[in-house]
Amino acid sequence: MVLPVVAYGDPVLRKVSQEIDQDYKNLQELIQNMFDTMYDSNGVGIAAPQIGKDIRLFVVDCSPFEEDEDYDDVKDELKDFKRVFINPKKISSSEGDEWAFTEGCLSIPHIHEDVTRPESVTLEYFDENWVKHTETFSDIRARVIQHEYDHLEGKLFIDYISSFKKKLISNKLKNITKGKVNTSYKMKFPS
């Protein structure tokens, strides 16, 4: 089921999310709904706060990047990179050089800015079957994962841009909070 994406300005996007356990009600259904919502919105990742849940859960599917020639060297890895991250903990994120990439967010439609992040990140997490993993991710996969992980910490990609750029987009952000934005997907605006 496709759920509405929570818009910028909703307090849930600024909360530090809570861990869950294996008995979390309807977890498998929630995970499927998150994938459905992400695909309907043409996203490559979505975190639980973006659908109004302050829990430590996000999903990613980096396969759309497989077609991008910038990622030819990791094309095979991207093709089937669809993952569920439950209760992730960042072990390390300072690996490799930092690089800038233009990011956007389903909760902040029509705004894209360059964000600098480390090229690799190591996470400890559970998958949808509650199997524990410790894994290092790099390239565009690390970028997407770090972006979604930030949602669980109450951070947004716009927190990484300069105050000058924030000032330039402030009217757009105000319009999003007021529901004055058109998207091709369902959104839930702050009341």
Protein backbone atom coordinates (compact mmCIF):
# COMPACT_ATOMS: atom_id res chain seq x y z
CA MET A 1 0.00 0.00 0.00
CA VAL A 2 1.30 3.43 -0.94
CA LEU A 3 1.46 5.77 2.06
CA PRO A 4 1.66 9.57 2.05
CA VAL A 5 5.17 11.00 2.44
CA VAL A 6 5.50 13.32 5.44
CA ALA A 7 6.45 16.84 4.37
CA TYR A 8 9.17 19.09 5.71
CA GLY A 9 7.99 20.86 8.85
CA ASP A 10 6.44 17.81 10.50
CA PRO A 11 8.09 17.28 13.93
CA VAL A 12 8.57 13.53 13.28
CA LEU A 13 11.32 14.41 10.79
CA ARG A 14 13.34 16.02 13.59
CA LYS A 15 12.99 13.27 16.20
CA VAL A 16 15.68 10.72 16.98
CA SER A 17 13.96 7.43 16.13
CA GLN A 18 13.46 4.56 18.56
CA GLU A 19 14.68 0.99 18.17
CA ILE A 20 12.13 -1.73 17.60
CA ASP A 21 12.05 -5.45 18.35
CA GLN A 22 10.98 -8.50 16.38
CA ASP A 23 7.44 -8.23 17.74
CA TYR A 24 6.83 -4.81 16.19
CA LYS A 25 3.26 -4.99 14.93
CA ASN A 26 2.84 -5.70 11.19
CA LEU A 27 6.54 -5.10 10.48
CA GLN A 28 6.67 -7.07 7.22
CA GLU A 29 3.60 -5.23 5.94
CA LEU A 30 5.17 -1.90 6.94
CA ILE A 31 8.39 -2.76 5.09
CA GLN A 32 6.42 -3.64 1.95
CA ASN A 33 4.41 -0.41 2.26
CA MET A 34 7.65 1.55 2.52
CA PHE A 35 8.99 -0.04 -0.67
CA ASP A 36 5.65 0.63 -2.40
CA THR A 37 5.72 4.25 -1.28
CA MET A 38 9.35 4.69 -2.32
CA TYR A 39 8.73 3.25 -5.79
CA ASP A 40 5.54 5.28 -6.25
CA SER A 41 7.53 8.42 -5.41
CA ASN A 42 10.47 7.50 -7.68
CA GLY A 43 12.82 7.42 -4.70
CA VAL A 44 15.84 5.23 -4.04
CA GLY A 45 15.38 5.21 -0.27
CA ILE A 46 12.82 6.05 2.38
CA ALA A 47 13.01 6.10 6.17
CA ALA A 48 10.21 5.38 8.62
CA PRO A 49 9.99 9.03 9.81
CA GLN A 50 9.07 9.96 6.23
CA ILE A 51 5.87 7.96 6.63
CA GLY A 52 5.22 9.28 10.13
CA LYS A 53 6.84 6.54 12.23
CA ASP A 54 9.67 7.46 14.61
CA ILE A 55 11.30 4.04 14.47
CA ARG A 56 14.78 2.98 13.33
CA LEU A 57 13.92 1.51 9.95
CA PHE A 58 14.75 2.45 6.38
CA VAL A 59 14.74 0.76 2.99
CA VAL A 60 16.84 1.40 -0.11
CA ASP A 61 16.95 0.23 -3.70
CA CYS A 62 19.92 1.59 -5.65
CA SER A 63 19.12 -0.28 -8.88
CA PRO A 64 18.02 2.93 -10.70
CA PHE A 65 21.66 4.07 -10.58
CA GLU A 66 22.66 0.96 -12.56
CA GLU A 67 21.72 2.78 -15.78
CA ASP A 68 23.86 5.83 -14.93
CA GLU A 69 27.19 5.70 -16.76
CA ASP A 70 28.85 7.44 -13.80
CA TYR A 71 28.49 4.14 -11.94
CA ASP A 72 29.61 1.70 -14.63
CA ASP A 73 32.38 0.43 -12.33
CA VAL A 74 29.79 -0.73 -9.73
CA LYS A 75 26.96 -1.54 -12.13
CA ASP A 76 26.71 -5.19 -11.02
CA GLU A 77 26.59 -4.24 -7.33
CA LEU A 78 23.83 -1.68 -7.92
CA LYS A 79 21.64 -3.97 -10.01
CA ASP A 80 20.33 -5.98 -7.08
CA PHE A 81 21.06 -3.62 -4.21
CA LYS A 82 17.72 -3.65 -2.41
CA ARG A 83 18.01 -3.66 1.38
CA VAL A 84 16.09 -3.27 4.62
CA PHE A 85 17.89 -1.69 7.59
CA ILE A 86 16.37 -2.24 11.04
CA ASN A 87 17.93 -0.61 14.13
CA PRO A 88 21.06 0.48 12.22
CA LYS A 89 24.04 1.78 14.17
CA LYS A 90 26.80 3.69 12.45
CA ILE A 91 30.15 2.09 13.27
CA SER A 92 32.22 4.38 11.05
CA SER A 93 31.57 7.05 8.45
CA SER A 94 34.93 8.70 8.05
CA GLU A 95 36.29 6.19 5.59
CA GLY A 96 37.69 7.47 2.31
CA ASP A 97 37.55 10.91 0.79
CA GLU A 98 34.51 13.10 1.17
CA TRP A 99 32.68 13.93 -2.06
CA ALA A 100 29.87 16.23 -3.03
CA PHE A 101 26.70 15.00 -4.70
CA THR A 102 23.41 16.71 -5.43
CA GLU A 103 20.83 15.29 -3.03
CA GLY A 104 17.08 15.63 -2.85
CA CYS A 105 14.48 14.24 -0.49
CA LEU A 106 10.92 12.99 -0.92
CA SER A 107 9.93 15.03 2.16
CA ILE A 108 11.44 18.20 0.66
CA PRO A 109 10.24 18.08 -2.96
CA HIS A 110 11.80 20.15 -5.75
CA ILE A 111 14.84 21.18 -3.68
CA HIS A 112 18.23 19.76 -4.58
CA GLU A 113 21.58 20.82 -3.12
CA ASP A 114 25.15 19.56 -3.09
CA VAL A 115 25.98 17.70 0.11
CA THR A 116 29.47 16.48 1.04
CA ARG A 117 29.66 13.08 2.72
CA PRO A 118 32.34 10.40 3.27
CA GLU A 119 32.61 7.89 0.43
CA SER A 120 32.12 4.90 2.76
CA VAL A 121 30.08 4.04 5.82
CA THR A 122 30.03 0.98 8.08
CA LEU A 123 26.76 -0.02 9.71
CA GLU A 124 25.59 -2.71 12.07
CA TYR A 125 21.94 -3.53 11.36
CA PHE A 126 19.28 -6.21 11.16
CA ASP A 127 17.63 -7.19 7.88
CA GLU A 128 13.94 -7.99 7.45
CA ASN A 129 14.56 -11.56 8.73
CA TRP A 130 16.29 -10.23 11.88
CA VAL A 131 19.68 -11.44 10.72
CA LYS A 132 22.40 -9.17 12.11
CA HIS A 133 24.96 -7.70 9.70
CA THR A 134 28.03 -5.50 9.99
CA GLU A 135 28.84 -4.18 6.56
CA THR A 136 30.80 -1.42 4.85
CA PHE A 137 29.15 0.36 1.93
CA SER A 138 30.81 2.69 -0.54
CA ASP A 139 30.04 4.71 -3.70
CA ILE A 140 26.44 5.82 -4.32
CA ARG A 141 25.18 3.11 -1.97
CA ALA A 142 26.97 4.80 0.96
CA ARG A 143 25.46 8.12 -0.09
CA VAL A 144 21.89 6.79 -0.08
CA ILE A 145 22.41 4.91 3.18
CA GLN A 146 23.89 7.93 4.95
CA HIS A 147 21.00 10.10 3.76
CA GLU A 148 18.40 7.64 5.08
CA TYR A 149 20.34 7.02 8.29
CA ASP A 150 20.28 10.76 8.95
CA HIS A 151 16.47 10.64 8.92
CA LEU A 152 16.64 8.28 11.91
CA GLU A 153 18.79 10.84 13.72
CA GLY A 154 16.40 13.71 13.00
CA LYS A 155 18.69 15.23 10.37
CA LEU A 156 17.83 16.36 6.84
CA PHE A 157 20.13 16.93 3.88
CA ILE A 158 19.49 20.67 4.08
CA ASP A 159 21.24 20.67 7.47
CA TYR A 160 24.50 20.24 5.56
CA ILE A 161 24.17 23.27 3.32
CA SER A 162 25.44 26.78 4.05
CA SER A 163 23.26 29.33 5.81
CA PHE A 164 23.38 31.42 2.62
CA LYS A 165 21.86 28.57 0.61
CA LYS A 166 19.30 27.93 3.36
CA LYS A 167 18.27 31.56 3.11
CA LEU A 168 17.87 31.20 -0.67
CA ILE A 169 15.51 28.23 -0.27
CA SER A 170 13.65 29.48 2.82
CA ASN A 171 10.53 30.53 0.89
CA LYS A 172 10.37 27.15 -0.86
CA LEU A 173 10.65 25.43 2.53
CA LYS A 174 7.85 27.59 3.97
CA ASN A 175 5.65 26.71 1.00
CA ILE A 176 6.28 23.00 1.55
CA THR A 177 5.21 23.27 5.20
CA LYS A 178 2.02 25.03 4.06
CA GLY A 179 1.26 22.37 1.45
CA LYS A 180 1.92 24.76 -1.44
CA VAL A 181 3.84 22.27 -3.56
CA ASN A 182 2.83 19.90 -6.33
CA THR A 183 4.19 16.37 -6.43
CA SER A 184 3.34 13.25 -8.40
CA TYR A 185 3.01 11.34 -5.12
CA LYS A 186 0.82 11.60 -2.02
CA MET A 187 2.09 13.83 0.77
CA LYS A 188 1.02 14.59 4.33
CA PHE A 189 1.62 18.20 5.36
CA PRO A 190 2.05 19.53 8.91
CA SER A 191 -1.22 20.68 10.47
